[in-house]
Amino acid sequence: MHIHIMEGTELEKYQKEVWMRSQIEGHDIQREAAASSTKVNKDDSVKLINLLTELGEDLRKQHFDKDRKEVIIKRIQLGNFLVREIFEEENINDENKEKLKYIAELLEKQCRLVTEIMKALKRTTELRSKLDTLKKDNFEKRTESRRIMLEIKEKNEAKQQIIRDPETMQSLKEFDIIMQKIVIARHTLQGLVLGSGVNWADDTQLLEVVLKLGETLDFK
């Protein structure tokens, strides 16, 4: 009686093959995304690449789930075969008792491996869920940052456009000239009050005028 038991090394090999197929498919998806990026603007390109990446992850997960189901089916088939071999009385004799004992040990070992694999799969699923959440948050933050940067750029461009306007430039020049004249007049008046010999410190109104003349103008 020849029985094939799928052990840990075979399962690892099987999972590696699944992973390699998913990598190839992911590479094809990214190549298609790069080819299509010349036909859309930057915003659409970012959205398209993120969408294709998510689709690639879903496709890889579906392949993994499909292959895992196939492994489970094979285990069930093997289990049914073993049940028939073990519990049919005509097969229980001195000659195959050692084989049955060996099978029982293998089944126990397989049970432990399956338990460890299921724990690892559960942990992997949890980590994948956290990773998906982080990817989503990161994408939202990058989108928000891009929106803010575009707003800042538009405001700066509008400001530069106003400054470059001939009428605005002329108004700024005239304003600078007026400001210079006001400063000169303020300092002159302040000097006259201080040099007049009037006891301006005892005159509340005159004191306020002198102090005001020394303040910096602020038109904000």
N, C-alpha and C. Protein backbone atom coordinates (compact mmCIF):
# COMPACT_ATOMS: atom_id res chain seq x y z
N MET A 1 0.87 -1.20 0.00
CA MET A 1 0.00 0.00 0.00
C MET A 1 0.90 1.24 0.00
N HIS A 2 0.87 2.05 -1.06
CA HIS A 2 1.72 3.24 -1.18
C HIS A 2 0.85 4.48 -0.97
N ILE A 3 1.23 5.27 -0.01
CA ILE A 3 0.44 6.48 0.32
C ILE A 3 1.38 7.68 0.29
N HIS A 4 0.94 8.75 -0.41
CA HIS A 4 1.74 9.98 -0.48
C HIS A 4 1.20 11.00 0.51
N ILE A 5 2.04 11.43 1.43
CA ILE A 5 1.64 12.44 2.41
C ILE A 5 2.30 13.76 2.03
N MET A 6 1.52 14.83 1.94
CA MET A 6 2.08 16.14 1.61
C MET A 6 2.72 16.73 2.87
N GLU A 7 4.06 16.76 2.93
CA GLU A 7 4.74 17.25 4.10
C GLU A 7 5.08 18.73 3.93
N GLY A 8 5.78 19.28 4.98
CA GLY A 8 6.04 20.72 5.02
C GLY A 8 6.84 21.21 3.83
N THR A 9 7.89 20.46 3.40
CA THR A 9 8.72 20.90 2.29
C THR A 9 7.93 20.99 1.00
N GLU A 10 7.04 20.01 0.78
CA GLU A 10 6.22 20.04 -0.44
C GLU A 10 5.27 21.22 -0.42
N LEU A 11 4.68 21.49 0.73
CA LEU A 11 3.75 22.62 0.84
C LEU A 11 4.48 23.93 0.62
N GLU A 12 5.71 24.04 1.17
CA GLU A 12 6.50 25.25 0.97
C GLU A 12 6.83 25.44 -0.51
N LYS A 13 7.20 24.35 -1.19
CA LYS A 13 7.48 24.42 -2.61
C LYS A 13 6.25 24.85 -3.38
N TYR A 14 5.13 24.31 -2.99
CA TYR A 14 3.86 24.64 -3.64
C TYR A 14 3.53 26.13 -3.47
N GLN A 15 3.74 26.64 -2.24
CA GLN A 15 3.46 28.05 -1.98
C GLN A 15 4.44 28.95 -2.73
N LYS A 16 5.72 28.53 -2.87
CA LYS A 16 6.69 29.31 -3.62
C LYS A 16 6.29 29.43 -5.08
N GLU A 17 5.78 28.33 -5.65
CA GLU A 17 5.32 28.38 -7.04
C GLU A 17 4.17 29.38 -7.19
N VAL A 18 3.26 29.35 -6.21
CA VAL A 18 2.14 30.30 -6.24
C VAL A 18 2.65 31.73 -6.16
N TRP A 19 3.65 31.96 -5.25
CA TRP A 19 4.21 33.30 -5.09
C TRP A 19 4.90 33.77 -6.36
N MET A 20 5.63 32.88 -7.04
CA MET A 20 6.31 33.25 -8.28
C MET A 20 5.32 33.64 -9.35
N ARG A 21 4.19 32.89 -9.44
CA ARG A 21 3.17 33.25 -10.43
C ARG A 21 2.59 34.63 -10.13
N SER A 22 2.39 34.92 -8.85
CA SER A 22 1.82 36.22 -8.48
C SER A 22 2.81 37.34 -8.80
N GLN A 23 4.13 37.09 -8.63
CA GLN A 23 5.13 38.09 -8.95
C GLN A 23 5.14 38.41 -10.44
N ILE A 24 5.04 37.35 -11.26
CA ILE A 24 5.01 37.53 -12.72
C ILE A 24 3.79 38.35 -13.12
N GLU A 25 2.64 37.99 -12.54
CA GLU A 25 1.41 38.73 -12.85
C GLU A 25 1.52 40.17 -12.38
N GLY A 26 2.12 40.39 -11.19
CA GLY A 26 2.29 41.75 -10.69
C GLY A 26 3.21 42.56 -11.59
N HIS A 27 4.28 41.91 -12.12
CA HIS A 27 5.19 42.60 -13.03
C HIS A 27 4.47 43.00 -14.31
N ASP A 28 3.64 42.11 -14.85
CA ASP A 28 2.87 42.42 -16.06
C ASP A 28 1.93 43.58 -15.82
N ILE A 29 1.30 43.60 -14.65
CA ILE A 29 0.37 44.68 -14.34
C ILE A 29 1.10 46.02 -14.26
N GLN A 30 2.26 46.05 -13.59
CA GLN A 30 3.02 47.28 -13.48
C GLN A 30 3.53 47.74 -14.84
N ARG A 31 3.90 46.78 -15.72
CA ARG A 31 4.36 47.15 -17.06
C ARG A 31 3.24 47.77 -17.86
N GLU A 32 2.03 47.21 -17.74
CA GLU A 32 0.89 47.79 -18.43
C GLU A 32 0.58 49.18 -17.88
N ALA A 33 0.73 49.36 -16.58
CA ALA A 33 0.48 50.67 -15.98
C ALA A 33 1.47 51.70 -16.49
N ALA A 34 2.77 51.29 -16.62
CA ALA A 34 3.78 52.21 -17.12
C ALA A 34 3.52 52.60 -18.57
N ALA A 35 3.04 51.63 -19.38
CA ALA A 35 2.75 51.92 -20.78
C ALA A 35 1.57 52.86 -20.93
N SER A 36 0.60 52.72 -20.05
CA SER A 36 -0.60 53.55 -20.16
C SER A 36 -0.42 54.92 -19.54
N SER A 37 0.67 55.14 -18.77
CA SER A 37 0.84 56.41 -18.07
C SER A 37 1.11 57.56 -19.03
N THR A 38 1.57 57.28 -20.28
CA THR A 38 1.82 58.33 -21.25
C THR A 38 0.55 58.89 -21.84
N LYS A 39 -0.58 58.21 -21.62
CA LYS A 39 -1.84 58.62 -22.23
C LYS A 39 -2.73 59.39 -21.26
N VAL A 40 -2.33 59.49 -19.98
CA VAL A 40 -3.16 60.17 -19.00
C VAL A 40 -2.32 61.18 -18.26
N ASN A 41 -2.96 62.10 -17.57
CA ASN A 41 -2.23 63.10 -16.81
C ASN A 41 -1.69 62.49 -15.53
N LYS A 42 -0.96 63.29 -14.75
CA LYS A 42 -0.28 62.76 -13.57
C LYS A 42 -1.26 62.25 -12.52
N ASP A 43 -2.32 63.01 -12.28
CA ASP A 43 -3.30 62.58 -11.27
C ASP A 43 -3.92 61.25 -11.65
N ASP A 44 -4.35 61.13 -12.91
CA ASP A 44 -4.96 59.88 -13.36
C ASP A 44 -3.96 58.73 -13.32
N SER A 45 -2.69 59.06 -13.60
CA SER A 45 -1.66 58.01 -13.58
C SER A 45 -1.48 57.44 -12.19
N VAL A 46 -1.45 58.32 -11.19
CA VAL A 46 -1.31 57.85 -9.80
C VAL A 46 -2.48 56.97 -9.41
N LYS A 47 -3.69 57.42 -9.75
CA LYS A 47 -4.88 56.64 -9.41
C LYS A 47 -4.86 55.29 -10.13
N LEU A 48 -4.44 55.30 -11.41
CA LEU A 48 -4.43 54.07 -12.20
C LEU A 48 -3.45 53.06 -11.62
N ILE A 49 -2.25 53.53 -11.28
CA ILE A 49 -1.23 52.63 -10.73
C ILE A 49 -1.67 52.04 -9.40
N ASN A 50 -2.28 52.86 -8.56
CA ASN A 50 -2.78 52.36 -7.27
C ASN A 50 -3.88 51.34 -7.48
N LEU A 51 -4.77 51.62 -8.46
CA LEU A 51 -5.86 50.69 -8.73
C LEU A 51 -5.33 49.36 -9.24
N LEU A 52 -4.36 49.42 -10.15
CA LEU A 52 -3.80 48.19 -10.71
C LEU A 52 -3.03 47.41 -9.64
N THR A 53 -2.38 48.13 -8.74
CA THR A 53 -1.68 47.45 -7.65
C THR A 53 -2.65 46.69 -6.76
N GLU A 54 -3.78 47.35 -6.45
CA GLU A 54 -4.80 46.69 -5.64
C GLU A 54 -5.37 45.47 -6.35
N LEU A 55 -5.61 45.63 -7.67
CA LEU A 55 -6.13 44.50 -8.45
C LEU A 55 -5.13 43.34 -8.46
N GLY A 56 -3.84 43.70 -8.57
CA GLY A 56 -2.81 42.66 -8.54
C GLY A 56 -2.78 41.92 -7.22
N GLU A 57 -2.95 42.67 -6.12
CA GLU A 57 -2.99 42.04 -4.80
C GLU A 57 -4.20 41.11 -4.68
N ASP A 58 -5.35 41.58 -5.18
CA ASP A 58 -6.55 40.74 -5.13
C ASP A 58 -6.37 39.48 -5.96
N LEU A 59 -5.75 39.64 -7.14
CA LEU A 59 -5.53 38.49 -8.01
C LEU A 59 -4.60 37.48 -7.35
N ARG A 60 -3.53 37.99 -6.73
CA ARG A 60 -2.60 37.10 -6.04
C ARG A 60 -3.29 36.36 -4.90
N LYS A 61 -4.14 37.09 -4.15
CA LYS A 61 -4.87 36.48 -3.04
C LYS A 61 -5.82 35.40 -3.55
N GLN A 62 -6.50 35.69 -4.68
CA GLN A 62 -7.42 34.70 -5.24
C GLN A 62 -6.68 33.43 -5.66
N HIS A 63 -5.51 33.61 -6.28
CA HIS A 63 -4.70 32.44 -6.67
C HIS A 63 -4.28 31.65 -5.44
N PHE A 64 -3.86 32.37 -4.40
CA PHE A 64 -3.42 31.70 -3.18
C PHE A 64 -4.57 30.94 -2.55
N ASP A 65 -5.75 31.59 -2.49
CA ASP A 65 -6.92 30.92 -1.91
C ASP A 65 -7.31 29.69 -2.73
N LYS A 66 -7.24 29.83 -4.07
CA LYS A 66 -7.59 28.71 -4.95
C LYS A 66 -6.65 27.54 -4.73
N ASP A 67 -5.34 27.84 -4.68
CA ASP A 67 -4.36 26.77 -4.48
C ASP A 67 -4.51 26.14 -3.09
N ARG A 68 -4.85 26.95 -2.11
CA ARG A 68 -5.04 26.41 -0.77
C ARG A 68 -6.24 25.47 -0.73
N LYS A 69 -7.30 25.85 -1.46
CA LYS A 69 -8.48 24.98 -1.53
C LYS A 69 -8.13 23.64 -2.19
N GLU A 70 -7.28 23.71 -3.23
CA GLU A 70 -6.87 22.47 -3.90
C GLU A 70 -6.10 21.57 -2.93
N VAL A 71 -5.24 22.19 -2.10
CA VAL A 71 -4.50 21.40 -1.11
C VAL A 71 -5.44 20.75 -0.12
N ILE A 72 -6.46 21.53 0.32
CA ILE A 72 -7.44 20.99 1.27
C ILE A 72 -8.20 19.82 0.66
N ILE A 73 -8.59 19.97 -0.62
CA ILE A 73 -9.31 18.88 -1.30
C ILE A 73 -8.44 17.62 -1.36
N LYS A 74 -7.17 17.80 -1.68
CA LYS A 74 -6.26 16.65 -1.73
C LYS A 74 -6.14 15.99 -0.36
N ARG A 75 -6.12 16.79 0.68
CA ARG A 75 -6.04 16.23 2.03
C ARG A 75 -7.30 15.43 2.36
N ILE A 76 -8.46 15.98 1.97
CA ILE A 76 -9.71 15.27 2.23
C ILE A 76 -9.72 13.93 1.49
N GLN A 77 -9.30 13.95 0.22
CA GLN A 77 -9.26 12.71 -0.56
C GLN A 77 -8.31 11.70 0.08
N LEU A 78 -7.16 12.20 0.52
CA LEU A 78 -6.19 11.32 1.17
C LEU A 78 -6.76 10.77 2.47
N GLY A 79 -7.46 11.65 3.22
CA GLY A 79 -8.07 11.21 4.47
C GLY A 79 -9.10 10.12 4.25
N ASN A 80 -9.93 10.29 3.23
CA ASN A 80 -10.94 9.26 2.92
C ASN A 80 -10.29 7.93 2.57
N PHE A 81 -9.21 8.01 1.81
CA PHE A 81 -8.50 6.79 1.44
C PHE A 81 -7.93 6.09 2.68
N LEU A 82 -7.33 6.91 3.56
CA LEU A 82 -6.75 6.33 4.77
C LEU A 82 -7.82 5.71 5.67
N VAL A 83 -8.97 6.39 5.77
CA VAL A 83 -10.06 5.84 6.59
C VAL A 83 -10.49 4.48 6.08
N ARG A 84 -10.62 4.37 4.76
CA ARG A 84 -11.02 3.07 4.18
C ARG A 84 -9.96 2.01 4.46
N GLU A 85 -8.70 2.40 4.32
CA GLU A 85 -7.62 1.43 4.52
C GLU A 85 -7.51 1.00 5.99
N ILE A 86 -7.75 1.94 6.89
CA ILE A 86 -7.57 1.64 8.31
C ILE A 86 -8.74 0.86 8.89
N PHE A 87 -9.96 1.24 8.52
CA PHE A 87 -11.14 0.68 9.18
C PHE A 87 -11.75 -0.53 8.47
N GLU A 88 -11.27 -0.84 7.29
CA GLU A 88 -11.76 -2.08 6.67
C GLU A 88 -11.03 -3.25 7.31
N GLU A 89 -11.79 -4.12 7.91
CA GLU A 89 -11.20 -5.23 8.69
C GLU A 89 -10.30 -6.13 7.87
N GLU A 90 -10.62 -6.29 6.59
CA GLU A 90 -9.82 -7.21 5.77
C GLU A 90 -8.41 -6.69 5.56
N ASN A 91 -8.23 -5.40 5.76
CA ASN A 91 -6.89 -4.83 5.58
C ASN A 91 -6.07 -4.82 6.86
N ILE A 92 -6.72 -5.11 8.00
CA ILE A 92 -6.02 -5.10 9.28
C ILE A 92 -5.48 -6.50 9.55
N ASN A 93 -4.19 -6.68 9.44
CA ASN A 93 -3.53 -7.95 9.73
C ASN A 93 -2.13 -7.67 10.23
N ASP A 94 -1.44 -8.72 10.59
CA ASP A 94 -0.11 -8.57 11.17
C ASP A 94 0.86 -7.91 10.20
N GLU A 95 0.63 -8.16 8.92
CA GLU A 95 1.59 -7.67 7.92
C GLU A 95 1.59 -6.15 7.82
N ASN A 96 0.40 -5.52 7.94
CA ASN A 96 0.37 -4.07 7.75
C ASN A 96 0.13 -3.28 9.04
N LYS A 97 0.24 -3.93 10.20
CA LYS A 97 0.09 -3.18 11.44
C LYS A 97 1.17 -2.12 11.59
N GLU A 98 2.40 -2.48 11.20
CA GLU A 98 3.49 -1.51 11.28
C GLU A 98 3.25 -0.34 10.35
N LYS A 99 2.68 -0.66 9.17
CA LYS A 99 2.37 0.42 8.23
C LYS A 99 1.30 1.35 8.79
N LEU A 100 0.30 0.75 9.44
CA LEU A 100 -0.76 1.57 10.02
C LEU A 100 -0.21 2.45 11.15
N LYS A 101 0.72 1.89 11.91
CA LYS A 101 1.34 2.67 12.97
C LYS A 101 2.13 3.84 12.38
N TYR A 102 2.83 3.56 11.29
CA TYR A 102 3.61 4.60 10.62
C TYR A 102 2.69 5.69 10.07
N ILE A 103 1.55 5.23 9.50
CA ILE A 103 0.57 6.18 8.97
C ILE A 103 0.02 7.06 10.08
N ALA A 104 -0.28 6.47 11.22
CA ALA A 104 -0.81 7.22 12.36
C ALA A 104 0.18 8.29 12.81
N GLU A 105 1.47 7.94 12.83
CA GLU A 105 2.50 8.91 13.21
C GLU A 105 2.58 10.05 12.20
N LEU A 106 2.49 9.67 10.91
CA LEU A 106 2.51 10.70 9.87
C LEU A 106 1.30 11.63 9.97
N LEU A 107 0.14 11.04 10.25
CA LEU A 107 -1.07 11.85 10.38
C LEU A 107 -0.96 12.81 11.56
N GLU A 108 -0.39 12.33 12.64
CA GLU A 108 -0.21 13.19 13.81
C GLU A 108 0.74 14.35 13.48
N LYS A 109 1.82 14.00 12.76
CA LYS A 109 2.78 15.02 12.36
C LYS A 109 2.12 16.03 11.42
N GLN A 110 1.34 15.50 10.46
CA GLN A 110 0.66 16.38 9.52
C GLN A 110 -0.33 17.29 10.24
N CYS A 111 -1.01 16.75 11.24
CA CYS A 111 -1.98 17.54 12.00
C CYS A 111 -1.28 18.72 12.68
N ARG A 112 -0.11 18.45 13.24
CA ARG A 112 0.64 19.54 13.89
C ARG A 112 1.07 20.58 12.86
N LEU A 113 1.55 20.10 11.71
CA LEU A 113 1.97 21.03 10.66
C LEU A 113 0.81 21.88 10.16
N VAL A 114 -0.35 21.23 9.97
CA VAL A 114 -1.53 21.97 9.51
C VAL A 114 -1.92 23.04 10.52
N THR A 115 -1.86 22.69 11.81
CA THR A 115 -2.19 23.66 12.86
C THR A 115 -1.24 24.85 12.81
N GLU A 116 0.06 24.57 12.65
CA GLU A 116 1.04 25.65 12.56
C GLU A 116 0.81 26.50 11.32
N ILE A 117 0.50 25.83 10.20
CA ILE A 117 0.25 26.57 8.96
C ILE A 117 -0.97 27.46 9.09
N MET A 118 -2.03 26.96 9.69
CA MET A 118 -3.25 27.75 9.85
C MET A 118 -3.00 28.96 10.75
N LYS A 119 -2.19 28.77 11.80
CA LYS A 119 -1.84 29.90 12.66
C LYS A 119 -1.06 30.94 11.87
N ALA A 120 -0.11 30.46 11.05
CA ALA A 120 0.68 31.37 10.23
C ALA A 120 -0.20 32.10 9.22
N LEU A 121 -1.15 31.38 8.62
CA LEU A 121 -2.06 32.00 7.65
C LEU A 121 -2.93 33.06 8.32
N LYS A 122 -3.38 32.76 9.54
CA LYS A 122 -4.20 33.73 10.28
C LYS A 122 -3.39 34.99 10.56
N ARG A 123 -2.15 34.79 11.00
CA ARG A 123 -1.28 35.94 11.28
C ARG A 123 -1.00 36.71 10.00
N THR A 124 -0.76 36.00 8.90
CA THR A 124 -0.51 36.65 7.62
C THR A 124 -1.71 37.47 7.17
N THR A 125 -2.91 36.92 7.37
CA THR A 125 -4.13 37.64 7.01
C THR A 125 -4.27 38.93 7.81
N GLU A 126 -3.97 38.84 9.11
CA GLU A 126 -4.04 40.03 9.96
C GLU A 126 -3.04 41.09 9.51
N LEU A 127 -1.81 40.65 9.22
CA LEU A 127 -0.78 41.58 8.77
C LEU A 127 -1.14 42.19 7.42
N ARG A 128 -1.73 41.36 6.53
CA ARG A 128 -2.13 41.87 5.22
C ARG A 128 -3.22 42.94 5.37
N SER A 129 -4.14 42.70 6.32
CA SER A 129 -5.21 43.67 6.57
C SER A 129 -4.64 44.99 7.08
N LYS A 130 -3.67 44.89 8.01
CA LYS A 130 -3.03 46.10 8.52
C LYS A 130 -2.26 46.82 7.41
N LEU A 131 -1.59 46.04 6.56
CA LEU A 131 -0.84 46.64 5.46
C LEU A 131 -1.77 47.35 4.49
N ASP A 132 -2.90 46.74 4.19
CA ASP A 132 -3.88 47.38 3.30
C ASP A 132 -4.38 48.69 3.90
N THR A 133 -4.62 48.68 5.22
CA THR A 133 -5.07 49.91 5.89
C THR A 133 -4.00 50.99 5.81
N LEU A 134 -2.74 50.61 6.03
CA LEU A 134 -1.64 51.57 5.94
C LEU A 134 -1.50 52.12 4.53
N LYS A 135 -1.65 51.24 3.53
CA LYS A 135 -1.57 51.69 2.14
C LYS A 135 -2.67 52.70 1.83
N LYS A 136 -3.87 52.41 2.32
CA LYS A 136 -5.00 53.31 2.09
C LYS A 136 -4.76 54.66 2.75
N ASP A 137 -4.30 54.64 4.02
CA ASP A 137 -4.02 55.89 4.73
C ASP A 137 -2.92 56.67 4.04
N ASN A 138 -1.88 55.97 3.60
CA ASN A 138 -0.77 56.62 2.91
C ASN A 138 -1.23 57.26 1.61
N PHE A 139 -2.09 56.55 0.87
CA PHE A 139 -2.60 57.09 -0.39
C PHE A 139 -3.43 58.34 -0.13
N GLU A 140 -4.28 58.31 0.91
CA GLU A 140 -5.11 59.47 1.23
C GLU A 140 -4.25 60.66 1.65
N LYS A 141 -3.19 60.40 2.43
CA LYS A 141 -2.31 61.49 2.86
C LYS A 141 -1.55 62.07 1.67
N ARG A 142 -1.08 61.21 0.77
CA ARG A 142 -0.38 61.71 -0.41
C ARG A 142 -1.31 62.52 -1.30
N THR A 143 -2.56 62.07 -1.42
CA THR A 143 -3.54 62.81 -2.21
C THR A 143 -3.82 64.17 -1.59
N GLU A 144 -3.98 64.21 -0.26
CA GLU A 144 -4.24 65.47 0.43
C GLU A 144 -3.03 66.40 0.32
N SER A 145 -1.83 65.86 0.47
CA SER A 145 -0.61 66.67 0.34
C SER A 145 -0.49 67.25 -1.05
N ARG A 146 -0.81 66.45 -2.05
CA ARG A 146 -0.75 66.93 -3.43
C ARG A 146 -1.76 68.05 -3.64
N ARG A 147 -2.96 67.90 -3.06
CA ARG A 147 -3.98 68.94 -3.21
C ARG A 147 -3.52 70.25 -2.58
N ILE A 148 -2.93 70.16 -1.38
CA ILE A 148 -2.44 71.36 -0.69
C ILE A 148 -1.32 72.02 -1.48
N MET A 149 -0.40 71.21 -2.01
CA MET A 149 0.71 71.76 -2.79
C MET A 149 0.21 72.46 -4.05
N LEU A 150 -0.82 71.91 -4.68
CA LEU A 150 -1.39 72.55 -5.86
C LEU A 150 -2.04 73.88 -5.50
N GLU A 151 -2.72 73.93 -4.35
CA GLU A 151 -3.33 75.19 -3.91
C GLU A 151 -2.26 76.25 -3.65
N ILE A 152 -1.18 75.85 -2.97
CA ILE A 152 -0.09 76.79 -2.69
C ILE A 152 0.53 77.29 -3.99
N LYS A 153 0.73 76.37 -4.94
CA LYS A 153 1.31 76.74 -6.22
C LYS A 153 0.42 77.73 -6.96
N GLU A 154 -0.90 77.47 -6.96
CA GLU A 154 -1.83 78.36 -7.64
C GLU A 154 -1.83 79.75 -7.00
N LYS A 155 -1.79 79.80 -5.66
CA LYS A 155 -1.77 81.10 -4.97
C LYS A 155 -0.49 81.86 -5.28
N ASN A 156 0.65 81.15 -5.29
CA ASN A 156 1.92 81.81 -5.60
C ASN A 156 1.94 82.32 -7.03
N GLU A 157 1.40 81.52 -7.96
CA GLU A 157 1.35 81.95 -9.35
C GLU A 157 0.44 83.17 -9.51
N ALA A 158 -0.70 83.17 -8.78
CA ALA A 158 -1.60 84.32 -8.85
C ALA A 158 -0.93 85.56 -8.27
N LYS A 159 -0.18 85.38 -7.18
CA LYS A 159 0.53 86.50 -6.56
C LYS A 159 1.59 87.06 -7.50
N GLN A 160 2.36 86.16 -8.12
CA GLN A 160 3.39 86.60 -9.06
C GLN A 160 2.77 87.29 -10.27
N GLN A 161 1.61 86.81 -10.70
CA GLN A 161 0.93 87.42 -11.83
C GLN A 161 0.51 88.85 -11.50
N ILE A 162 0.02 89.05 -10.26
CA ILE A 162 -0.38 90.39 -9.84
C ILE A 162 0.83 91.32 -9.77
N ILE A 163 1.94 90.79 -9.23
CA ILE A 163 3.15 91.61 -9.11
C ILE A 163 3.69 91.99 -10.48
N ARG A 164 3.61 91.09 -11.44
CA ARG A 164 4.13 91.36 -12.79
C ARG A 164 3.22 92.29 -13.59
N ASP A 165 2.02 92.53 -13.12
CA ASP A 165 1.10 93.39 -13.84
C ASP A 165 1.66 94.82 -13.87
N PRO A 166 1.73 95.47 -15.05
CA PRO A 166 2.31 96.83 -15.17
C PRO A 166 1.64 97.84 -14.25
N GLU A 167 0.33 97.83 -14.19
CA GLU A 167 -0.38 98.79 -13.34
C GLU A 167 -0.05 98.57 -11.87
N THR A 168 0.03 97.29 -11.47
CA THR A 168 0.37 96.98 -10.08
C THR A 168 1.79 97.44 -9.75
N MET A 169 2.72 97.20 -10.66
CA MET A 169 4.10 97.61 -10.43
C MET A 169 4.21 99.13 -10.31
N GLN A 170 3.47 99.85 -11.15
CA GLN A 170 3.49 101.31 -11.09
C GLN A 170 2.89 101.80 -9.77
N SER A 171 1.81 101.15 -9.32
CA SER A 171 1.18 101.53 -8.05
C SER A 171 2.12 101.29 -6.88
N LEU A 172 2.87 100.18 -6.93
CA LEU A 172 3.83 99.88 -5.87
C LEU A 172 4.94 100.93 -5.81
N LYS A 173 5.40 101.35 -6.98
CA LYS A 173 6.44 102.39 -7.02
C LYS A 173 5.93 103.70 -6.43
N GLU A 174 4.71 104.08 -6.82
CA GLU A 174 4.12 105.31 -6.29
C GLU A 174 3.92 105.21 -4.78
N PHE A 175 3.50 104.04 -4.32
CA PHE A 175 3.29 103.83 -2.89
C PHE A 175 4.61 103.97 -2.12
N ASP A 176 5.69 103.43 -2.68
CA ASP A 176 7.00 103.55 -2.03
C ASP A 176 7.43 105.01 -1.92
N ILE A 177 7.18 105.78 -2.96
CA ILE A 177 7.54 107.21 -2.94
C ILE A 177 6.75 107.95 -1.86
N ILE A 178 5.44 107.66 -1.79
CA ILE A 178 4.59 108.30 -0.78
C ILE A 178 5.06 107.93 0.62
N MET A 179 5.40 106.66 0.83
CA MET A 179 5.88 106.21 2.13
C MET A 179 7.16 106.94 2.53
N GLN A 180 8.06 107.13 1.58
CA GLN A 180 9.31 107.84 1.87
C GLN A 180 9.03 109.29 2.28
N LYS A 181 8.10 109.92 1.60
CA LYS A 181 7.74 111.30 1.93
C LYS A 181 7.12 111.39 3.32
N ILE A 182 6.25 110.42 3.66
CA ILE A 182 5.62 110.41 4.97
C ILE A 182 6.66 110.24 6.07
N VAL A 183 7.60 109.35 5.87
CA VAL A 183 8.64 109.11 6.86
C VAL A 183 9.48 110.37 7.07
N ILE A 184 9.84 111.02 5.97
CA ILE A 184 10.62 112.27 6.07
C ILE A 184 9.84 113.34 6.84
N ALA A 185 8.55 113.46 6.51
CA ALA A 185 7.72 114.48 7.18
C ALA A 185 7.59 114.18 8.67
N ARG A 186 7.41 112.94 9.03
CA ARG A 186 7.26 112.55 10.44
C ARG A 186 8.53 112.87 11.23
N HIS A 187 9.67 112.50 10.67
CA HIS A 187 10.93 112.76 11.35
C HIS A 187 11.21 114.26 11.47
N THR A 188 10.86 114.99 10.41
CA THR A 188 11.06 116.45 10.44
C THR A 188 10.20 117.09 11.53
N LEU A 189 8.93 116.71 11.57
CA LEU A 189 8.02 117.26 12.57
C LEU A 189 8.46 116.88 13.98
N GLN A 190 8.91 115.67 14.14
CA GLN A 190 9.38 115.23 15.45
C GLN A 190 10.60 116.04 15.89
N GLY A 191 11.50 116.30 14.94
CA GLY A 191 12.69 117.10 15.25
C GLY A 191 12.34 118.53 15.63
N LEU A 192 11.35 119.09 14.93
CA LEU A 192 10.92 120.46 15.25
C LEU A 192 10.35 120.55 16.66
N VAL A 193 9.53 119.56 17.04
CA VAL A 193 8.93 119.58 18.37
C VAL A 193 10.00 119.45 19.44
N LEU A 194 10.94 118.52 19.23
CA LEU A 194 11.98 118.30 20.22
C LEU A 194 12.93 119.49 20.33
N GLY A 195 13.16 120.16 19.21
CA GLY A 195 14.11 121.29 19.21
C GLY A 195 13.47 122.64 19.49
N SER A 196 12.18 122.69 19.67
CA SER A 196 11.49 123.97 19.89
C SER A 196 11.65 124.50 21.30
N GLY A 197 12.07 123.69 22.23
CA GLY A 197 12.21 124.11 23.61
C GLY A 197 10.93 124.04 24.40
N VAL A 198 9.86 123.61 23.75
CA VAL A 198 8.58 123.47 24.44
C VAL A 198 8.65 122.26 25.37
N ASN A 199 8.09 122.40 26.57
CA ASN A 199 8.08 121.29 27.52
C ASN A 199 6.98 120.32 27.10
N TRP A 200 7.28 119.57 26.05
CA TRP A 200 6.27 118.68 25.47
C TRP A 200 5.94 117.49 26.37
N ALA A 201 6.85 117.17 27.29
CA ALA A 201 6.62 116.02 28.17
C ALA A 201 5.47 116.27 29.14
N ASP A 202 5.23 117.57 29.47
CA ASP A 202 4.13 117.89 30.39
C ASP A 202 2.80 118.04 29.68
N ASP A 203 2.85 118.14 28.35
CA ASP A 203 1.62 118.28 27.56
C ASP A 203 1.23 116.88 27.06
N THR A 204 0.12 116.36 27.58
CA THR A 204 -0.30 115.00 27.25
C THR A 204 -0.51 114.81 25.75
N GLN A 205 -1.20 115.75 25.11
CA GLN A 205 -1.48 115.63 23.68
C GLN A 205 -0.19 115.73 22.86
N LEU A 206 0.68 116.66 23.21
CA LEU A 206 1.93 116.82 22.48
C LEU A 206 2.84 115.61 22.69
N LEU A 207 2.83 115.07 23.90
CA LEU A 207 3.62 113.86 24.18
C LEU A 207 3.14 112.70 23.32
N GLU A 208 1.84 112.57 23.19
CA GLU A 208 1.28 111.49 22.36
C GLU A 208 1.67 111.67 20.90
N VAL A 209 1.67 112.94 20.43
CA VAL A 209 2.05 113.21 19.04
C VAL A 209 3.50 112.82 18.80
N VAL A 210 4.40 113.19 19.72
CA VAL A 210 5.82 112.87 19.57
C VAL A 210 6.04 111.36 19.54
N LEU A 211 5.35 110.66 20.43
CA LEU A 211 5.49 109.20 20.47
C LEU A 211 4.94 108.56 19.21
N LYS A 212 3.83 109.05 18.73
CA LYS A 212 3.24 108.51 17.50
C LYS A 212 4.17 108.71 16.31
N LEU A 213 4.84 109.87 16.28
CA LEU A 213 5.74 110.16 15.16
C LEU A 213 6.92 109.19 15.13
N GLY A 214 7.25 108.61 16.26
CA GLY A 214 8.37 107.68 16.32
C GLY A 214 8.00 106.24 16.02
N GLU A 215 6.72 105.96 15.89
CA GLU A 215 6.28 104.59 15.61
C GLU A 215 6.46 104.25 14.13
N THR A 216 6.66 102.95 13.87
CA THR A 216 6.79 102.47 12.48
C THR A 216 5.41 102.28 11.88
N LEU A 217 5.24 102.76 10.66
CA LEU A 217 3.96 102.61 9.99
C LEU A 217 3.72 101.16 9.60
N ASP A 218 2.52 100.70 9.78
CA ASP A 218 2.15 99.32 9.43
C ASP A 218 0.81 99.34 8.71
N PHE A 219 0.82 98.97 7.42
CA PHE A 219 -0.41 99.01 6.61
C PHE A 219 -1.00 97.63 6.40
N LYS A 220 -0.58 96.64 7.18
CA LYS A 220 -1.11 95.29 7.02
C LYS A 220 -2.54 95.21 7.53
